[in-house]
Amino acid sequence: MSFLRVALRTVSRPRVAVAIPRSASLVRPSAFALQHAAYSAAAGLSNTVIKQRVLDVLKSFEKVDPSKLSTSASFAEDLGLDSLDTVEVVMAVEEEFAIEIPDAEADDIKTVQQAIDYIAKTPDGPLYDKSTSILHFVDIVKNQVLHFNTITSELTVDQFDEPVSCLALRPNSQGLACAAAQGFALIDPSTHKLSYISKILPAQHAAHVRFNDGACDSQGRFFAGTTCSVDPYIPGQLYRYDPGTGAATLVDEGPFTDCNGLGWSADEKTMYLTDSLVNRIYAYDYDKIQGKPSNRRIFIDTLAQGLPKGTFPDGLCISDECIWSARWGGSKVVRHAKDGSIDFEIHFPTALNITACCFGGPGNDQLYVTTAHCGANGGDASRQERYPHSGDVFKVDLSGRFKGGDWRYNFAH
């Protein structure tokens, strides 16, 4: 396992994130600029600058023929570099951007474009721990769990052999619980190793589907859903792990397309689940004594609300009985009021894929928002030029106007 530390740079970019109340009574929607802090291995740099700096690093190598150097060039076939030369190139890129590329990933970097793409990140699943002021989040593509100290700006990264898709705090600083590729697991805070407590998906399914988003109810039961596969057909489903019995249970066989943002109303009488690719957020009646959701129904159909095709609801958080839903491909977080209608939006004009959000900070009025690179999940990487901050993590200062609520809880074990 590789373990690295990267210093975060806090940057101020006025009017990058814009909050817009949606109200029929407004002739012209009011807007105000919000400060944010961005995380990436090259925070504050546009994709153009990243490309140019990587190319400049390679130009400094005597063996590289500048006429053959392009973003599509391979280190060996086009530039004629042997394995030792390639190691030097990767080390030079690390030095240029003040990062450390884990050995296993460095071995896979064979082209200039791969070196450039490494700089971009795909954060998701933010989780704020008010006892430590640490923002935890995941990078599913890179099999990483990241921990950002919001006081010291120190970032630490745990590297694993498989994707970790969502997190839950454990009591008494025992570390984190998570959904990993095949089921529910724990992450040891001292060894930073992952160990399964319930492996649900069979190994033959691992190449096609995995666990995705999830959260714990007030009794510490962990709910998490899975992605789906068309060929072979494997539906997305929703599972519950009960630490009291050690049993994992299928609670909704779906079929779902991509189980995402999940949470509860303040009274825990309603549970919400996002099914991204059909653009729906479902509501269930919830029995918190038995931990049983029932009577699934469509609560929000975002296409029917007029949100564009090709954009999808992703992760969510809840405050004041309102759902804050991240829009993949939509460059914004939308707030759904109690009746499901949209009454407020936060726009991110320079980030395309908004993956999730959570409240945090001393006053619980900072909204942390994760985003993904434009090329993630088979997307068009060329759009990164237009959305250069895709892959950053934003901090939106809501200055007490909105505060987070109780909508997910600690794992009980």
Protein backbone atom coordinates (compact mmCIF):
# COMPACT_ATOMS: atom_id res chain seq x y z
CA MET A 1 0.00 0.00 0.00
CA SER A 2 1.28 3.42 -0.90
CA PHE A 3 0.74 6.27 1.55
CA LEU A 4 1.44 9.84 0.54
CA ARG A 5 0.96 13.32 1.78
CA VAL A 6 0.09 16.23 -0.46
CA ALA A 7 -0.17 19.86 0.64
CA LEU A 8 -3.42 21.50 -0.31
CA ARG A 9 -3.46 25.00 -1.67
CA THR A 10 -6.41 27.22 -0.86
CA VAL A 11 -7.30 29.53 -3.68
CA SER A 12 -9.76 32.36 -4.03
CA ARG A 13 -11.59 32.59 -7.33
CA PRO A 14 -14.46 35.08 -7.16
CA ARG A 15 -17.66 34.02 -8.89
CA VAL A 16 -16.53 30.46 -9.65
CA ALA A 17 -19.42 29.08 -7.60
CA VAL A 18 -22.66 31.03 -7.84
CA ALA A 19 -25.78 30.44 -5.76
CA ILE A 20 -29.09 31.16 -7.43
CA PRO A 21 -32.46 30.99 -5.62
CA ARG A 22 -35.19 29.64 -7.89
CA SER A 23 -38.39 31.58 -7.39
CA ALA A 24 -41.24 32.30 -9.77
CA SER A 25 -41.63 35.72 -8.17
CA LEU A 26 -38.18 36.83 -9.27
CA VAL A 27 -37.96 38.63 -12.57
CA ARG A 28 -34.18 38.31 -12.49
CA PRO A 29 -32.67 35.61 -10.23
CA SER A 30 -30.40 37.09 -7.60
CA ALA A 31 -26.87 35.73 -7.48
CA PHE A 32 -23.90 36.13 -5.22
CA ALA A 33 -20.31 34.97 -5.37
CA LEU A 34 -19.11 32.29 -2.96
CA GLN A 35 -15.56 31.60 -1.87
CA HIS A 36 -14.24 28.09 -2.29
CA ALA A 37 -11.16 26.03 -1.71
CA ALA A 38 -10.17 23.58 -4.43
CA TYR A 39 -8.37 20.27 -4.06
CA SER A 40 -6.36 18.67 -6.81
CA ALA A 41 -2.80 17.59 -7.29
CA ALA A 42 -2.39 20.78 -9.30
CA ALA A 43 -4.83 23.08 -7.56
CA GLY A 44 -5.60 26.26 -9.47
CA LEU A 45 -4.05 25.11 -12.75
CA SER A 46 -6.00 24.89 -15.97
CA ASN A 47 -5.79 21.79 -18.12
CA THR A 48 -3.84 23.81 -20.70
CA VAL A 49 -1.21 24.76 -18.14
CA ILE A 50 -0.93 21.17 -16.89
CA LYS A 51 -0.39 19.89 -20.44
CA GLN A 52 2.21 22.52 -21.20
CA ARG A 53 4.15 21.90 -18.00
CA VAL A 54 4.24 18.13 -18.59
CA LEU A 55 5.47 18.72 -22.14
CA ASP A 56 8.08 21.19 -20.89
CA VAL A 57 9.36 18.60 -18.41
CA LEU A 58 9.80 16.08 -21.23
CA LYS A 59 11.50 18.64 -23.48
CA SER A 60 14.24 18.97 -20.88
CA PHE A 61 15.31 15.36 -21.45
CA GLU A 62 18.18 15.11 -23.93
CA LYS A 63 16.92 11.81 -25.38
CA VAL A 64 13.52 13.23 -26.31
CA ASP A 65 13.12 14.42 -29.90
CA PRO A 66 10.93 17.59 -29.64
CA SER A 67 9.50 16.95 -33.10
CA LYS A 68 7.96 13.70 -31.87
CA LEU A 69 6.66 15.10 -28.61
CA SER A 70 2.88 15.44 -28.34
CA THR A 71 0.18 14.56 -25.87
CA SER A 72 -0.45 11.30 -27.76
CA ALA A 73 3.20 10.21 -27.76
CA SER A 74 4.14 6.99 -26.01
CA PHE A 75 7.33 7.01 -23.94
CA ALA A 76 8.79 3.89 -25.55
CA GLU A 77 7.47 3.68 -29.13
CA ASP A 78 7.44 7.37 -30.03
CA LEU A 79 10.06 8.90 -27.75
CA GLY A 80 12.41 5.92 -27.58
CA LEU A 81 12.78 5.94 -23.81
CA ASP A 82 13.74 2.73 -22.02
CA SER A 83 12.29 1.70 -18.66
CA LEU A 84 14.90 3.60 -16.63
CA ASP A 85 14.32 6.73 -18.72
CA THR A 86 10.57 6.39 -18.09
CA VAL A 87 11.16 6.20 -14.35
CA GLU A 88 13.12 9.44 -14.55
CA VAL A 89 10.32 11.07 -16.55
CA VAL A 90 7.69 10.07 -13.99
CA MET A 91 9.89 11.31 -11.15
CA ALA A 92 10.35 14.63 -12.96
CA VAL A 93 6.56 15.01 -13.33
CA GLU A 94 6.19 14.27 -9.61
CA GLU A 95 8.72 16.97 -8.77
CA GLU A 96 7.13 19.51 -11.11
CA PHE A 97 3.68 19.16 -9.51
CA ALA A 98 4.84 18.36 -5.95
CA ILE A 99 3.04 15.00 -5.93
CA GLU A 100 3.99 11.37 -5.43
CA ILE A 101 2.65 8.78 -7.86
CA PRO A 102 2.30 5.34 -6.18
CA ASP A 103 4.59 2.72 -7.72
CA ALA A 104 1.75 0.52 -8.96
CA GLU A 105 0.24 3.42 -10.87
CA ALA A 106 3.57 4.76 -12.10
CA ASP A 107 4.20 1.38 -13.76
CA ASP A 108 1.04 1.89 -15.83
CA ILE A 109 2.01 5.32 -17.13
CA LYS A 110 3.25 4.69 -20.68
CA THR A 111 2.22 7.82 -22.59
CA VAL A 112 2.35 11.57 -22.20
CA GLN A 113 -1.47 11.74 -22.00
CA GLN A 114 -1.50 9.23 -19.13
CA ALA A 115 0.95 11.43 -17.25
CA ILE A 116 -1.30 14.43 -17.84
CA ASP A 117 -4.46 12.53 -16.88
CA TYR A 118 -2.92 11.46 -13.59
CA ILE A 119 -2.96 15.06 -12.41
CA ALA A 120 -6.78 15.10 -12.55
CA LYS A 121 -8.74 13.47 -9.73
CA THR A 122 -12.20 11.95 -9.40
CA PRO A 123 -13.33 12.72 -5.81
CA ASP A 124 -16.65 11.51 -4.44
CA GLY A 125 -18.48 10.69 -1.21
CA PRO A 126 -17.41 13.55 1.12
CA LEU A 127 -17.83 12.89 4.85
CA TYR A 128 -17.01 15.56 7.45
CA ASP A 129 -15.89 14.54 10.96
CA LYS A 130 -16.65 17.44 13.31
CA SER A 131 -14.55 15.88 16.11
CA THR A 132 -11.35 16.14 14.05
CA SER A 133 -12.28 18.77 11.42
CA ILE A 134 -11.23 16.24 8.77
CA LEU A 135 -13.03 15.90 5.46
CA HIS A 136 -12.85 12.31 4.26
CA PHE A 137 -13.65 11.46 0.65
CA VAL A 138 -12.98 8.74 -1.91
CA ASP A 139 -11.53 8.42 -5.39
CA ILE A 140 -13.29 5.34 -6.73
CA VAL A 141 -11.29 5.25 -9.98
CA LYS A 142 -7.93 5.36 -8.20
CA ASN A 143 -8.90 3.05 -5.29
CA GLN A 144 -8.13 5.78 -2.77
CA VAL A 145 -9.55 7.18 0.45
CA LEU A 146 -8.41 10.74 1.16
CA HIS A 147 -8.39 12.70 4.41
CA PHE A 148 -8.16 16.51 4.34
CA ASN A 149 -7.56 18.37 7.59
CA THR A 150 -9.60 21.54 7.12
CA ILE A 151 -7.59 23.32 9.85
CA THR A 152 -4.00 22.52 8.79
CA SER A 153 -4.69 21.90 5.07
CA GLU A 154 -2.81 18.60 5.29
CA LEU A 155 -4.00 15.84 2.98
CA THR A 156 -3.26 12.14 3.49
CA VAL A 157 -4.15 9.39 1.06
CA ASP A 158 -4.74 5.69 1.67
CA GLN A 159 -4.19 3.47 -1.37
CA PHE A 160 -6.06 0.18 -1.74
CA ASP A 161 -6.23 -2.69 -4.22
CA GLU A 162 -9.90 -2.17 -5.00
CA PRO A 163 -12.39 0.71 -5.13
CA VAL A 164 -13.91 2.17 -1.97
CA SER A 165 -17.14 3.95 -2.84
CA CYS A 166 -18.59 5.44 0.36
CA LEU A 167 -17.64 5.99 4.00
CA ALA A 168 -19.13 6.09 7.49
CA LEU A 169 -17.55 7.20 10.73
CA ARG A 170 -17.08 4.69 13.54
CA PRO A 171 -17.48 5.51 17.27
CA ASN A 172 -14.54 6.47 19.49
CA SER A 173 -12.18 7.26 16.60
CA GLN A 174 -11.96 3.62 15.55
CA GLY A 175 -11.51 4.57 11.92
CA LEU A 176 -13.95 4.26 9.05
CA ALA A 177 -16.51 1.78 7.78
CA CYS A 178 -17.01 1.65 4.03
CA ALA A 179 -18.57 -0.01 1.06
CA ALA A 180 -15.84 -1.62 -1.02
CA ALA A 181 -16.08 -3.45 -4.33
CA GLN A 182 -17.86 -6.58 -3.07
CA GLY A 183 -19.50 -5.54 0.19
CA PHE A 184 -19.05 -3.87 3.57
CA ALA A 185 -15.63 -3.38 5.15
CA LEU A 186 -13.66 -1.58 7.86
CA ILE A 187 -10.53 0.58 7.46
CA ASP A 188 -8.09 0.29 10.35
CA PRO A 189 -6.90 3.77 11.45
CA SER A 190 -3.41 2.58 12.41
CA THR A 191 -2.56 0.16 9.60
CA HIS A 192 -4.75 1.82 6.93
CA LYS A 193 -5.75 -1.64 5.74
CA LEU A 194 -9.18 -2.71 4.54
CA SER A 195 -10.88 -5.84 5.91
CA TYR A 196 -14.29 -7.16 4.85
CA ILE A 197 -17.00 -7.77 7.42
CA SER A 198 -19.46 -8.93 4.77
CA LYS A 199 -18.52 -9.87 1.22
CA ILE A 200 -21.78 -10.00 -0.73
CA LEU A 201 -21.08 -9.86 -4.46
CA PRO A 202 -19.55 -13.04 -5.89
CA ALA A 203 -16.12 -12.79 -7.48
CA GLN A 204 -17.51 -13.46 -10.97
CA HIS A 205 -19.57 -10.26 -10.70
CA ALA A 206 -16.61 -8.10 -9.70
CA ALA A 207 -15.64 -7.37 -13.30
CA HIS A 208 -19.12 -6.04 -14.05
CA VAL A 209 -20.64 -4.40 -10.95
CA ARG A 210 -19.58 -3.07 -7.56
CA PHE A 211 -20.98 -1.40 -4.48
CA ASN A 212 -21.53 2.33 -4.78
CA ASP A 213 -23.05 4.96 -2.46
CA GLY A 214 -24.49 4.40 0.99
CA ALA A 215 -25.02 5.69 4.54
CA CYS A 216 -25.87 4.60 8.09
CA ASP A 217 -29.16 5.12 9.91
CA SER A 218 -29.41 6.27 13.54
CA GLN A 219 -29.02 2.69 14.79
CA GLY A 220 -25.70 2.38 12.97
CA ARG A 221 -26.96 0.01 10.28
CA PHE A 222 -25.12 0.49 6.99
CA PHE A 223 -27.17 0.70 3.78
CA ALA A 224 -25.42 0.66 0.39
CA GLY A 225 -26.47 0.01 -3.18
CA THR A 226 -24.76 -1.46 -6.21
CA THR A 227 -24.27 -0.51 -9.84
CA CYS A 228 -25.79 -2.55 -12.66
CA SER A 229 -24.53 -4.38 -15.73
CA VAL A 230 -26.34 -4.78 -19.06
CA ASP A 231 -24.27 -7.65 -20.46
CA PRO A 232 -24.30 -9.85 -18.50
CA TYR A 233 -27.47 -8.58 -16.92
CA ILE A 234 -26.92 -7.83 -13.22
CA PRO A 235 -29.37 -5.36 -11.67
CA GLY A 236 -28.46 -2.70 -9.15
CA GLN A 237 -29.75 -3.61 -5.69
CA LEU A 238 -29.89 -2.18 -2.16
CA TYR A 239 -28.36 -3.98 0.86
CA ARG A 240 -28.27 -3.45 4.62
CA TYR A 241 -25.56 -4.57 7.03
CA ASP A 242 -26.61 -4.89 10.67
CA PRO A 243 -23.56 -4.78 12.99
CA GLY A 244 -25.71 -6.14 15.83
CA THR A 245 -26.27 -9.45 14.08
CA GLY A 246 -23.40 -9.39 11.60
CA ALA A 247 -25.90 -10.12 8.82
CA ALA A 248 -26.18 -8.49 5.42
CA THR A 249 -29.67 -8.42 3.90
CA LEU A 250 -31.02 -7.60 0.45
CA VAL A 251 -33.68 -4.98 1.23
CA ASP A 252 -34.65 -3.93 -2.31
CA GLU A 253 -33.89 -6.07 -5.36
CA GLY A 254 -34.52 -3.10 -7.66
CA PRO A 255 -33.72 -3.28 -10.44
CA PHE A 256 -31.71 -0.06 -10.18
CA THR A 257 -29.27 1.40 -12.68
CA ASP A 258 -26.77 3.14 -10.39
CA CYS A 259 -27.59 3.37 -6.68
CA ASN A 260 -26.44 6.75 -5.42
CA GLY A 261 -27.23 9.46 -2.85
CA LEU A 262 -28.99 7.92 0.16
CA GLY A 263 -30.25 9.46 3.39
CA TRP A 264 -33.12 9.98 5.84
CA SER A 265 -35.55 12.68 6.88
CA ALA A 266 -34.95 14.20 10.31
CA ASP A 267 -37.67 12.04 11.92
CA GLU A 268 -36.36 8.96 10.05
CA LYS A 269 -39.83 8.15 8.81
CA THR A 270 -38.66 8.55 5.21
CA MET A 271 -35.58 7.16 3.47
CA TYR A 272 -34.34 8.51 0.14
CA LEU A 273 -32.37 6.71 -2.58
CA THR A 274 -31.07 8.10 -5.87
CA ASP A 275 -31.13 6.00 -9.05
CA SER A 276 -28.88 8.09 -11.24
CA LEU A 277 -29.30 6.85 -14.80
CA VAL A 278 -33.11 7.05 -14.70
CA ASN A 279 -32.92 10.55 -13.15
CA ARG A 280 -35.00 9.68 -10.11
CA ILE A 281 -34.85 10.08 -6.36
CA TYR A 282 -37.05 7.54 -4.61
CA ALA A 283 -38.72 7.82 -1.21
CA TYR A 284 -39.49 4.90 1.12
CA ASP A 285 -41.51 4.60 4.29
CA TYR A 286 -38.90 3.74 6.91
CA ASP A 287 -39.25 1.67 10.07
CA LYS A 288 -36.23 2.71 12.12
CA ILE A 289 -36.85 0.03 14.75
CA GLN A 290 -36.51 -2.80 12.26
CA GLY A 291 -34.35 -0.89 9.79
CA LYS A 292 -36.82 -1.71 7.05
CA PRO A 293 -37.64 0.51 4.04
CA SER A 294 -40.95 -0.14 2.27
CA ASN A 295 -43.37 1.37 -0.24
CA ARG A 296 -40.76 2.67 -2.68
CA ARG A 297 -42.15 5.45 -4.85
CA ILE A 298 -40.85 8.19 -7.15
CA PHE A 299 -40.35 11.34 -5.07
CA ILE A 300 -38.41 13.39 -7.63
CA ASP A 301 -38.27 12.91 -11.39
CA THR A 302 -35.60 15.42 -12.38
CA LEU A 303 -36.25 15.22 -16.14
CA ALA A 304 -39.90 16.03 -15.52
CA GLN A 305 -38.69 19.07 -13.56
CA GLY A 306 -36.91 20.32 -16.67
CA LEU A 307 -33.31 19.45 -15.81
CA PRO A 308 -31.40 18.65 -19.02
CA LYS A 309 -31.03 15.19 -20.51
CA GLY A 310 -27.47 13.94 -20.22
CA THR A 311 -27.22 15.24 -16.64
CA PHE A 312 -27.93 12.99 -13.68
CA PRO A 313 -28.55 13.15 -9.92
CA ASP A 314 -25.56 11.80 -8.00
CA GLY A 315 -24.74 12.08 -4.28
CA LEU A 316 -26.90 14.01 -1.84
CA CYS A 317 -27.09 15.52 1.63
CA ILE A 318 -30.07 16.77 3.62
CA SER A 319 -30.79 19.86 5.72
CA ASP A 320 -34.05 21.45 6.89
CA GLU A 321 -35.94 18.56 5.24
CA CYS A 322 -34.50 19.65 1.88
CA ILE A 323 -32.37 17.43 -0.37
CA TRP A 324 -29.17 18.89 -1.81
CA SER A 325 -28.47 16.83 -4.93
CA ALA A 326 -25.24 16.91 -6.96
CA ARG A 327 -25.74 16.90 -10.75
CA TRP A 328 -23.30 14.77 -12.75
CA GLY A 329 -22.76 16.56 -16.07
CA GLY A 330 -24.80 19.51 -14.85
CA SER A 331 -22.22 21.81 -13.20
CA LYS A 332 -24.41 22.41 -10.18
CA VAL A 333 -25.93 21.31 -6.90
CA VAL A 334 -29.70 21.73 -6.70
CA ARG A 335 -31.78 21.92 -3.54
CA HIS A 336 -35.12 20.14 -3.57
CA ALA A 337 -37.68 21.55 -1.14
CA LYS A 338 -39.93 19.37 1.02
CA ASP A 339 -42.31 18.86 -1.89
CA GLY A 340 -39.47 17.91 -4.25
CA SER A 341 -39.46 21.14 -6.23
CA ILE A 342 -36.18 22.96 -6.86
CA ASP A 343 -35.86 26.17 -4.87
CA PHE A 344 -32.11 26.86 -4.87
CA GLU A 345 -29.03 26.09 -6.97
CA ILE A 346 -25.27 26.46 -6.65
CA HIS A 347 -23.54 26.66 -10.02
CA PHE A 348 -19.94 25.62 -10.78
CA PRO A 349 -19.27 27.02 -14.26
CA THR A 350 -15.72 25.59 -14.42
CA ALA A 351 -16.56 22.06 -13.19
CA LEU A 352 -18.78 19.69 -15.19
CA ASN A 353 -19.36 16.52 -13.16
CA ILE A 354 -20.59 17.32 -9.65
CA THR A 355 -20.48 14.05 -7.71
CA ALA A 356 -21.58 14.67 -4.11
CA CYS A 357 -21.83 17.19 -1.28
CA CYS A 358 -21.91 17.38 2.50
CA PHE A 359 -22.09 20.05 5.17
CA GLY A 360 -19.24 20.67 7.60
CA GLY A 361 -17.09 23.29 9.27
CA PRO A 362 -17.32 24.73 12.82
CA GLY A 363 -20.78 26.15 12.17
CA ASN A 364 -21.90 23.28 9.94
CA ASP A 365 -22.55 25.88 7.24
CA GLN A 366 -19.75 25.03 4.80
CA LEU A 367 -20.86 22.89 1.87
CA TYR A 368 -18.07 20.61 0.61
CA VAL A 369 -18.65 19.60 -3.00
CA THR A 370 -16.74 16.90 -4.89
CA THR A 371 -16.38 16.83 -8.67
CA ALA A 372 -14.91 14.45 -11.25
CA HIS A 373 -12.65 14.88 -14.26
CA CYS A 374 -14.49 15.21 -17.58
CA GLY A 375 -12.93 11.96 -18.81
CA ALA A 376 -14.17 9.90 -15.83
CA ASN A 377 -16.49 6.94 -16.45
CA GLY A 378 -15.97 7.02 -20.20
CA GLY A 379 -16.62 10.75 -20.52
CA ASP A 380 -15.12 13.12 -23.06
CA ALA A 381 -11.72 14.16 -21.66
CA SER A 382 -11.44 16.95 -24.23
CA ARG A 383 -14.15 18.87 -22.33
CA GLN A 384 -11.65 19.38 -19.49
CA GLU A 385 -10.38 22.39 -21.42
CA ARG A 386 -13.76 24.08 -20.97
CA TYR A 387 -14.24 22.83 -17.39
CA PRO A 388 -10.70 23.02 -15.96
CA HIS A 389 -11.73 22.57 -12.31
CA SER A 390 -13.50 19.26 -12.88
CA GLY A 391 -11.83 16.95 -10.41
CA ASP A 392 -11.49 19.56 -7.65
CA VAL A 393 -13.19 19.63 -4.26
CA PHE A 394 -14.96 22.92 -3.50
CA LYS A 395 -15.80 24.51 -0.18
CA VAL A 396 -18.83 26.78 -0.46
CA ASP A 397 -19.21 29.23 2.45
CA LEU A 398 -22.92 29.56 3.13
CA SER A 399 -22.27 31.87 6.12
CA GLY A 400 -25.10 30.55 8.27
CA ARG A 401 -27.73 30.92 5.55
CA PHE A 402 -28.03 27.12 5.41
CA LYS A 403 -26.81 24.50 7.88
CA GLY A 404 -26.50 20.76 7.65
CA GLY A 405 -28.96 18.46 9.37
CA ASP A 406 -29.03 14.91 10.74
CA TRP A 407 -29.46 12.65 7.74
CA ARG A 408 -26.78 10.00 8.15
CA TYR A 409 -25.06 8.62 11.22
CA ASN A 410 -22.07 6.66 12.53
CA PHE A 411 -21.59 2.97 11.94
CA ALA A 412 -22.46 1.14 15.17
CA HIS A 413 -19.40 -1.12 15.37
